PDB file of N, CA and C in Angstrom:
ATOM      1  N   MET A   1     147.715 120.841  21.156  1.00  0.00           N
ATOM      2  CA  MET A   1     148.378 121.335  19.960  1.00  0.00           C
ATOM      3  C   MET A   1     147.607 122.524  19.400  1.00  0.00           C
ATOM      4  N   MET A   2     148.348 123.416  18.824  1.00  0.00           N
ATOM      5  CA  MET A   2     147.732 124.594  18.226  1.00  0.00           C
ATOM      6  C   MET A   2     147.152 124.228  16.853  1.00  0.00           C
ATOM      7  N   PRO A   3     146.116 124.942  16.422  1.00  0.00           N
ATOM      8  CA  PRO A   3     145.503 124.635  15.122  1.00  0.00           C
ATOM      9  C   PRO A   3     146.501 124.684  13.958  1.00  0.00           C
ATOM     10  N   GLU A   4     147.473 125.588  14.029  1.00  0.00           N
ATOM     11  CA  GLU A   4     148.467 125.673  12.955  1.00  0.00           C
ATOM     12  C   GLU A   4     149.299 124.395  12.883  1.00  0.00           C
ATOM     13  N   HIS A   5     149.613 123.844  14.059  1.00  0.00           N
ATOM     14  CA  HIS A   5     150.404 122.610  14.095  1.00  0.00           C
ATOM     15  C   HIS A   5     149.608 121.426  13.560  1.00  0.00           C
ATOM     16  N   VAL A   6     148.330 121.391  13.899  1.00  0.00           N
ATOM     17  CA  VAL A   6     147.464 120.322  13.399  1.00  0.00           C
ATOM     18  C   VAL A   6     147.384 120.402  11.879  1.00  0.00           C
ATOM     19  N   GLN A   7     147.223 121.618  11.343  1.00  0.00           N
ATOM     20  CA  GLN A   7     147.156 121.801   9.891  1.00  0.00           C
ATOM     21  C   GLN A   7     148.463 121.382   9.229  1.00  0.00           C
ATOM     22  N   MET A   8     149.589 121.741   9.820  1.00  0.00           N
ATOM     23  CA  MET A   8     150.882 121.357   9.261  1.00  0.00           C
ATOM     24  C   MET A   8     151.057 119.839   9.255  1.00  0.00           C
ATOM     25  N   LEU A   9     150.631 119.184  10.337  1.00  0.00           N
ATOM     26  CA  LEU A   9     150.728 117.720  10.391  1.00  0.00           C
ATOM     27  C   LEU A   9     149.814 117.071   9.358  1.00  0.00           C
ATOM     28  N   ASN A  10     148.597 117.601   9.201  1.00  0.00           N
ATOM     29  CA  ASN A  10     147.681 117.064   8.190  1.00  0.00           C
ATOM     30  C   ASN A  10     148.254 117.215   6.787  1.00  0.00           C
ATOM     31  N   ASP A  11     148.825 118.370   6.497  1.00  0.00           N
ATOM     32  CA  ASP A  11     149.453 118.589   5.191  1.00  0.00           C
ATOM     33  C   ASP A  11     150.622 117.636   4.982  1.00  0.00           C
ATOM     34  N   TYR A  12     151.401 117.431   6.026  1.00  0.00           N
ATOM     35  CA  TYR A  12     152.542 116.525   5.938  1.00  0.00           C
ATOM     36  C   TYR A  12     152.078 115.104   5.615  1.00  0.00           C
ATOM     37  N   TRP A  13     151.035 114.620   6.289  1.00  0.00           N
ATOM     38  CA  TRP A  13     150.551 113.259   6.050  1.00  0.00           C
ATOM     39  C   TRP A  13     149.952 113.123   4.651  1.00  0.00           C
ATOM     40  N   LYS A  14     149.299 114.167   4.162  1.00  0.00           N
ATOM     41  CA  LYS A  14     148.782 114.133   2.781  1.00  0.00           C
ATOM     42  C   LYS A  14     149.926 114.004   1.782  1.00  0.00           C
ATOM     43  N   GLN A  15     150.995 114.767   2.014  1.00  0.00           N
ATOM     44  CA  GLN A  15     152.128 114.719   1.094  1.00  0.00           C
ATOM     45  C   GLN A  15     152.814 113.364   1.120  1.00  0.00           C
ATOM     46  N   GLN A  16     152.766 112.661   2.227  1.00  0.00           N
ATOM     47  CA  GLN A  16     153.370 111.336   2.318  1.00  0.00           C
ATOM     48  C   GLN A  16     152.629 110.325   1.447  1.00  0.00           C
ATOM     49  N   GLU A  17     151.342 110.590   1.176  1.00  0.00           N
ATOM     50  CA  GLU A  17     150.524 109.688   0.359  1.00  0.00           C
ATOM     51  C   GLU A  17     150.609 110.008  -1.129  1.00  0.00           C
ATOM     52  N   TRP A  18     151.294 111.099  -1.492  1.00  0.00           N
ATOM     53  CA  TRP A  18     151.408 111.482  -2.895  1.00  0.00           C
ATOM     54  C   TRP A  18     152.098 110.389  -3.688  1.00  0.00           C
ATOM     55  N   LYS A  19     151.639 110.216  -4.916  1.00  0.00           N
ATOM     56  CA  LYS A  19     152.242 109.252  -5.827  1.00  0.00           C
ATOM     57  C   LYS A  19     153.078 110.012  -6.856  1.00  0.00           C
ATOM     58  N   GLU A  20     154.069 109.335  -7.386  1.00  0.00           N
ATOM     59  CA  GLU A  20     154.898 109.954  -8.411  1.00  0.00           C
ATOM     60  C   GLU A  20     154.310 109.694  -9.794  1.00  0.00           C
ATOM     61  N   GLU A  21     154.440 110.680 -10.652  1.00  0.00           N
ATOM     62  CA  GLU A  21     153.940 110.536 -12.016  1.00  0.00           C
ATOM     63  C   GLU A  21     154.797 109.514 -12.758  1.00  0.00           C
ATOM     64  N   PRO A  22     154.147 108.497 -13.354  1.00  0.00           N
ATOM     65  CA  PRO A  22     154.927 107.493 -14.078  1.00  0.00           C
ATOM     66  C   PRO A  22     155.488 108.054 -15.383  1.00  0.00           C
ATOM     67  N   ILE A  23     156.601 107.513 -15.787  1.00  0.00           N
ATOM     68  CA  ILE A  23     157.217 107.890 -17.065  1.00  0.00           C
ATOM     69  C   ILE A  23     157.034 106.721 -18.024  1.00  0.00           C
ATOM     70  N   LEU A  24     156.336 106.968 -19.124  1.00  0.00           N
ATOM     71  CA  LEU A  24     156.058 105.918 -20.102  1.00  0.00           C
ATOM     72  C   LEU A  24     157.178 105.850 -21.127  1.00  0.00           C
ATOM     73  N   ASP A  25     157.569 104.631 -21.473  1.00  0.00           N
ATOM     74  CA  ASP A  25     158.558 104.494 -22.539  1.00  0.00           C
ATOM     75  C   ASP A  25     157.835 104.501 -23.885  1.00  0.00           C
ATOM     76  N   GLU A  26     158.582 104.502 -24.962  1.00  0.00           N
ATOM     77  CA  GLU A  26     158.005 104.615 -26.310  1.00  0.00           C
ATOM     78  C   GLU A  26     157.033 103.476 -26.619  1.00  0.00           C
ATOM     79  N   GLN A  27     157.365 102.269 -26.202  1.00  0.00           N
ATOM     80  CA  GLN A  27     156.504 101.122 -26.481  1.00  0.00           C
ATOM     81  C   GLN A  27     155.158 101.265 -25.764  1.00  0.00           C
ATOM     82  N   GLN A  28     155.164 101.731 -24.531  1.00  0.00           N
ATOM     83  CA  GLN A  28     153.922 101.937 -23.800  1.00  0.00           C
ATOM     84  C   GLN A  28     153.095 103.045 -24.444  1.00  0.00           C
ATOM     85  N   LYS A  29     153.748 104.101 -24.914  1.00  0.00           N
ATOM     86  CA  LYS A  29     153.038 105.192 -25.581  1.00  0.00           C
ATOM     87  C   LYS A  29     152.386 104.713 -26.871  1.00  0.00           C
ATOM     88  N   GLU A  30     153.094 103.913 -27.666  1.00  0.00           N
ATOM     89  CA  GLU A  30     152.539 103.398 -28.921  1.00  0.00           C
ATOM     90  C   GLU A  30     151.359 102.473 -28.657  1.00  0.00           C
ATOM     91  N   TYR A  31     151.479 101.622 -27.632  1.00  0.00           N
ATOM     92  CA  TYR A  31     150.396 100.704 -27.286  1.00  0.00           C
ATOM     93  C   TYR A  31     149.154 101.480 -26.845  1.00  0.00           C
ATOM     94  N   THR A  32     149.353 102.512 -26.043  1.00  0.00           N
ATOM     95  CA  THR A  32     148.237 103.340 -25.585  1.00  0.00           C
ATOM     96  C   THR A  32     147.593 104.075 -26.755  1.00  0.00           C
ATOM     97  N   GLU A  33     148.413 104.602 -27.650  1.00  0.00           N
ATOM     98  CA  GLU A  33     147.885 105.296 -28.820  1.00  0.00           C
ATOM     99  C   GLU A  33     147.056 104.359 -29.697  1.00  0.00           C
ATOM    100  N   MET A  34     147.526 103.119 -29.866  1.00  0.00           N
ATOM    101  CA  MET A  34     146.786 102.140 -30.658  1.00  0.00           C
ATOM    102  C   MET A  34     145.432 101.841 -30.005  1.00  0.00           C
ATOM    103  N   LYS A  35     145.412 101.678 -28.688  1.00  0.00           N
ATOM    104  CA  LYS A  35     144.156 101.418 -27.988  1.00  0.00           C
ATOM    105  C   LYS A  35     143.185 102.586 -28.110  1.00  0.00           C
ATOM    106  N   LEU A  36     143.699 103.808 -28.058  1.00  0.00           N
ATOM    107  CA  LEU A  36     142.851 104.983 -28.209  1.00  0.00           C
ATOM    108  C   LEU A  36     142.254 105.055 -29.608  1.00  0.00           C
ATOM    109  N   GLN A  37     143.069 104.785 -30.628  1.00  0.00           N
ATOM    110  CA  GLN A  37     142.570 104.811 -32.004  1.00  0.00           C
ATOM    111  C   GLN A  37     141.501 103.745 -32.219  1.00  0.00           C
ATOM    112  N   LEU A  38     141.709 102.543 -31.662  1.00  0.00           N
ATOM    113  CA  LEU A  38     140.697 101.490 -31.784  1.00  0.00           C
ATOM    114  C   LEU A  38     139.398 101.878 -31.073  1.00  0.00           C
ATOM    115  N   ALA A  39     139.518 102.512 -29.925  1.00  0.00           N
ATOM    116  CA  ALA A  39     138.328 102.929 -29.183  1.00  0.00           C
ATOM    117  C   ALA A  39     137.533 103.966 -29.961  1.00  0.00           C
ATOM    118  N   ILE A  40     138.218 104.892 -30.613  1.00  0.00           N
ATOM    119  CA  ILE A  40     137.515 105.909 -31.404  1.00  0.00           C
ATOM    120  C   ILE A  40     136.905 105.282 -32.656  1.00  0.00           C
ATOM    121  N   TYR A  41     137.696 104.493 -33.376  1.00  0.00           N
ATOM    122  CA  TYR A  41     137.248 103.909 -34.642  1.00  0.00           C
ATOM    123  C   TYR A  41     136.039 102.990 -34.442  1.00  0.00           C
ATOM    124  N   ASN A  42     136.056 102.186 -33.373  1.00  0.00           N
ATOM    125  CA  ASN A  42     134.972 101.226 -33.130  1.00  0.00           C
ATOM    126  C   ASN A  42     133.918 101.740 -32.157  1.00  0.00           C
ATOM    127  N   ASP A  43     134.010 103.011 -31.745  1.00  0.00           N
ATOM    128  CA  ASP A  43     133.069 103.639 -30.817  1.00  0.00           C
ATOM    129  C   ASP A  43     132.898 102.793 -29.552  1.00  0.00           C
ATOM    130  N   LEU A  44     134.028 102.395 -28.969  1.00  0.00           N
ATOM    131  CA  LEU A  44     134.023 101.541 -27.784  1.00  0.00           C
ATOM    132  C   LEU A  44     134.031 102.367 -26.506  1.00  0.00           C
ATOM    133  N   THR A  45     133.438 101.810 -25.469  1.00  0.00           N
ATOM    134  CA  THR A  45     133.552 102.407 -24.151  1.00  0.00           C
ATOM    135  C   THR A  45     134.974 102.162 -23.655  1.00  0.00           C
ATOM    136  N   PHE A  46     135.553 103.168 -23.079  1.00  0.00           N
ATOM    137  CA  PHE A  46     136.970 103.137 -22.750  1.00  0.00           C
ATOM    138  C   PHE A  46     137.157 103.635 -21.321  1.00  0.00           C
ATOM    139  N   GLU A  47     137.991 102.950 -20.550  1.00  0.00           N
ATOM    140  CA  GLU A  47     138.332 103.438 -19.218  1.00  0.00           C
ATOM    141  C   GLU A  47     139.728 104.035 -19.273  1.00  0.00           C
ATOM    142  N   LEU A  48     139.826 105.276 -18.866  1.00  0.00           N
ATOM    143  CA  LEU A  48     141.082 106.005 -18.934  1.00  0.00           C
ATOM    144  C   LEU A  48     141.555 106.304 -17.517  1.00  0.00           C
ATOM    145  N   THR A  49     142.792 105.948 -17.233  1.00  0.00           N
ATOM    146  CA  THR A  49     143.420 106.285 -15.960  1.00  0.00           C
ATOM    147  C   THR A  49     144.488 107.312 -16.265  1.00  0.00           C
ATOM    148  N   TYR A  50     144.396 108.453 -15.600  1.00  0.00           N
ATOM    149  CA  TYR A  50     145.359 109.523 -15.832  1.00  0.00           C
ATOM    150  C   TYR A  50     145.866 110.053 -14.496  1.00  0.00           C
ATOM    151  N   PHE A  51     146.968 110.749 -14.543  1.00  0.00           N
ATOM    152  CA  PHE A  51     147.619 111.261 -13.342  1.00  0.00           C
ATOM    153  C   PHE A  51     147.333 112.745 -13.210  1.00  0.00           C
ATOM    154  N   GLN A  52     146.787 113.130 -12.039  1.00  0.00           N
ATOM    155  CA  GLN A  52     146.487 114.539 -11.799  1.00  0.00           C
ATOM    156  C   GLN A  52     146.487 114.782 -10.298  1.00  0.00           C
ATOM    157  N   GLY A  53     147.093 115.841  -9.883  1.00  0.00           N
ATOM    158  CA  GLY A  53     147.065 116.215  -8.481  1.00  0.00           C
ATOM    159  C   GLY A  53     147.724 115.202  -7.560  1.00  0.00           C
ATOM    160  N   HIS A  54     148.825 114.630  -7.982  1.00  0.00           N
ATOM    161  CA  HIS A  54     149.593 113.658  -7.196  1.00  0.00           C
ATOM    162  C   HIS A  54     148.840 112.363  -6.938  1.00  0.00           C
ATOM    163  N   ASP A  55     147.886 112.034  -7.786  1.00  0.00           N
ATOM    164  CA  ASP A  55     147.145 110.782  -7.649  1.00  0.00           C
ATOM    165  C   ASP A  55     146.609 110.364  -9.017  1.00  0.00           C
ATOM    166  N   PHE A  56     146.165 109.129  -9.104  1.00  0.00           N
ATOM    167  CA  PHE A  56     145.595 108.615 -10.340  1.00  0.00           C
ATOM    168  C   PHE A  56     144.089 108.799 -10.318  1.00  0.00           C
ATOM    169  N   GLN A  57     143.527 109.207 -11.455  1.00  0.00           N
ATOM    170  CA  GLN A  57     142.091 109.405 -11.612  1.00  0.00           C
ATOM    171  C   GLN A  57     141.594 108.445 -12.688  1.00  0.00           C
ATOM    172  N   ASN A  58     140.381 107.931 -12.519  1.00  0.00           N
ATOM    173  CA  ASN A  58     139.769 107.045 -13.512  1.00  0.00           C
ATOM    174  C   ASN A  58     138.533 107.718 -14.085  1.00  0.00           C
ATOM    175  N   ILE A  59     138.330 107.491 -15.360  1.00  0.00           N
ATOM    176  CA  ILE A  59     137.147 108.012 -16.038  1.00  0.00           C
ATOM    177  C   ILE A  59     136.727 106.965 -17.061  1.00  0.00           C
ATOM    178  N   LYS A  60     135.419 106.795 -17.215  1.00  0.00           N
ATOM    179  CA  LYS A  60     134.903 105.789 -18.140  1.00  0.00           C
ATOM    180  C   LYS A  60     133.926 106.459 -19.095  1.00  0.00           C
ATOM    181  N   GLY A  61     134.046 106.141 -20.373  1.00  0.00           N
ATOM    182  CA  GLY A  61     133.168 106.737 -21.366  1.00  0.00           C
ATOM    183  C   GLY A  61     133.649 106.425 -22.764  1.00  0.00           C
ATOM    184  N   LYS A  62     133.319 107.305 -23.691  1.00  0.00           N
ATOM    185  CA  LYS A  62     133.727 107.136 -25.087  1.00  0.00           C
ATOM    186  C   LYS A  62     134.561 108.331 -25.511  1.00  0.00           C
ATOM    187  N   LEU A  63     135.560 108.046 -26.286  1.00  0.00           N
ATOM    188  CA  LEU A  63     136.422 109.110 -26.793  1.00  0.00           C
ATOM    189  C   LEU A  63     135.809 109.692 -28.058  1.00  0.00           C
ATOM    190  N   ASP A  64     135.718 111.003 -28.114  1.00  0.00           N
ATOM    191  CA  ASP A  64     135.239 111.673 -29.319  1.00  0.00           C
ATOM    192  C   ASP A  64     136.393 112.053 -30.232  1.00  0.00           C
ATOM    193  N   LYS A  65     137.498 112.479 -29.615  1.00  0.00           N
ATOM    194  CA  LYS A  65     138.603 112.984 -30.421  1.00  0.00           C
ATOM    195  C   LYS A  65     139.878 112.964 -29.585  1.00  0.00           C
ATOM    196  N   VAL A  66     140.987 112.690 -30.233  1.00  0.00           N
ATOM    197  CA  VAL A  66     142.301 112.778 -29.597  1.00  0.00           C
ATOM    198  C   VAL A  66     143.202 113.552 -30.541  1.00  0.00           C
ATOM    199  N   ASP A  67     143.853 114.569 -30.012  1.00  0.00           N
ATOM    200  CA  ASP A  67     144.895 115.223 -30.799  1.00  0.00           C
ATOM    201  C   ASP A  67     146.141 115.343 -29.934  1.00  0.00           C
ATOM    202  N   ASN A  68     147.128 116.043 -30.395  1.00  0.00           N
ATOM    203  CA  ASN A  68     148.386 116.073 -29.659  1.00  0.00           C
ATOM    204  C   ASN A  68     148.343 116.957 -28.421  1.00  0.00           C
ATOM    205  N   ARG A  69     147.216 117.615 -28.158  1.00  0.00           N
ATOM    206  CA  ARG A  69     147.125 118.473 -26.983  1.00  0.00           C
ATOM    207  C   ARG A  69     146.041 118.052 -25.995  1.00  0.00           C
ATOM    208  N   ALA A  70     145.026 117.277 -26.433  1.00  0.00           N
ATOM    209  CA  ALA A  70     143.909 116.992 -25.531  1.00  0.00           C
ATOM    210  C   ALA A  70     143.128 115.758 -25.963  1.00  0.00           C
ATOM    211  N   PHE A  71     142.459 115.152 -24.981  1.00  0.00           N
ATOM    212  CA  PHE A  71     141.461 114.112 -25.227  1.00  0.00           C
ATOM    213  C   PHE A  71     140.100 114.771 -25.075  1.00  0.00           C
ATOM    214  N   VAL A  72     139.184 114.521 -25.996  1.00  0.00           N
ATOM    215  CA  VAL A  72     137.797 114.947 -25.828  1.00  0.00           C
ATOM    216  C   VAL A  72     137.031 113.681 -25.503  1.00  0.00           C
ATOM    217  N   PHE A  73     136.461 113.649 -24.327  1.00  0.00           N
ATOM    218  CA  PHE A  73     135.947 112.420 -23.740  1.00  0.00           C
ATOM    219  C   PHE A  73     134.494 112.610 -23.356  1.00  0.00           C
ATOM    220  N   ARG A  74     133.631 111.692 -23.764  1.00  0.00           N
ATOM    221  CA  ARG A  74     132.208 111.726 -23.426  1.00  0.00           C
ATOM    222  C   ARG A  74     131.964 110.620 -22.403  1.00  0.00           C
ATOM    223  N   THR A  75     131.569 110.979 -21.185  1.00  0.00           N
ATOM    224  CA  THR A  75     131.389 109.989 -20.132  1.00  0.00           C
ATOM    225  C   THR A  75     130.050 109.279 -20.292  1.00  0.00           C
ATOM    226  N   LEU A  76     129.874 108.212 -19.523  1.00  0.00           N
ATOM    227  CA  LEU A  76     128.620 107.463 -19.575  1.00  0.00           C
ATOM    228  C   LEU A  76     127.449 108.302 -19.080  1.00  0.00           C
ATOM    229  N   ALA A  77     127.714 109.314 -18.264  1.00  0.00           N
ATOM    230  CA  ALA A  77     126.666 110.209 -17.774  1.00  0.00           C
ATOM    231  C   ALA A  77     126.425 111.366 -18.755  1.00  0.00           C
ATOM    232  N   LYS A  78     126.939 111.236 -19.968  1.00  0.00           N
ATOM    233  CA  LYS A  78     126.772 112.214 -21.054  1.00  0.00           C
ATOM    234  C   LYS A  78     127.443 113.557 -20.759  1.00  0.00           C
ATOM    235  N   LEU A  79     128.437 113.558 -19.898  1.00  0.00           N
ATOM    236  CA  LEU A  79     129.231 114.768 -19.679  1.00  0.00           C
ATOM    237  C   LEU A  79     130.371 114.779 -20.679  1.00  0.00           C
ATOM    238  N   ARG A  80     130.738 115.938 -21.120  1.00  0.00           N
ATOM    239  CA  ARG A  80     131.833 116.056 -22.085  1.00  0.00           C
ATOM    240  C   ARG A  80     133.030 116.678 -21.367  1.00  0.00           C
ATOM    241  N   LEU A  81     134.133 115.947 -21.350  1.00  0.00           N
ATOM    242  CA  LEU A  81     135.334 116.398 -20.662  1.00  0.00           C
ATOM    243  C   LEU A  81     136.460 116.567 -21.665  1.00  0.00           C
ATOM    244  N   ILE A  82     137.300 117.529 -21.401  1.00  0.00           N
ATOM    245  CA  ILE A  82     138.505 117.714 -22.207  1.00  0.00           C
ATOM    246  C   ILE A  82     139.692 117.599 -21.265  1.00  0.00           C
ATOM    247  N   LEU A  83     140.537 116.607 -21.495  1.00  0.00           N
ATOM    248  CA  LEU A  83     141.739 116.411 -20.696  1.00  0.00           C
ATOM    249  C   LEU A  83     142.921 116.905 -21.507  1.00  0.00           C
ATOM    250  N   MET A  84     143.602 117.888 -20.988  1.00  0.00           N
ATOM    251  CA  MET A  84     144.764 118.446 -21.676  1.00  0.00           C
ATOM    252  C   MET A  84     145.957 117.540 -21.461  1.00  0.00           C
ATOM    253  N   ILE A  85     146.723 117.331 -22.513  1.00  0.00           N
ATOM    254  CA  ILE A  85     147.926 116.479 -22.429  1.00  0.00           C
ATOM    255  C   ILE A  85     149.107 117.354 -22.088  1.00  0.00           C
TER     256      ILE A  85
END
């Protein structure tokens, strides 16, 4: 097989593993918002699973701030991340 064909097959198999972004209903959004507010108010360690790049990503740490555009997240390794909504 030619290298181009191998690359095309590899890309095809990667795309087959892609996950679809879930759609949250209003009740799930309210429940998530309540959990985020409790985590900020009580300075709790929080594990966040978010969808990016056709897959789910996990991050663990403390939330510094949440607004309608982004999460400001401080990880256990003291890194500061901003996740845009």
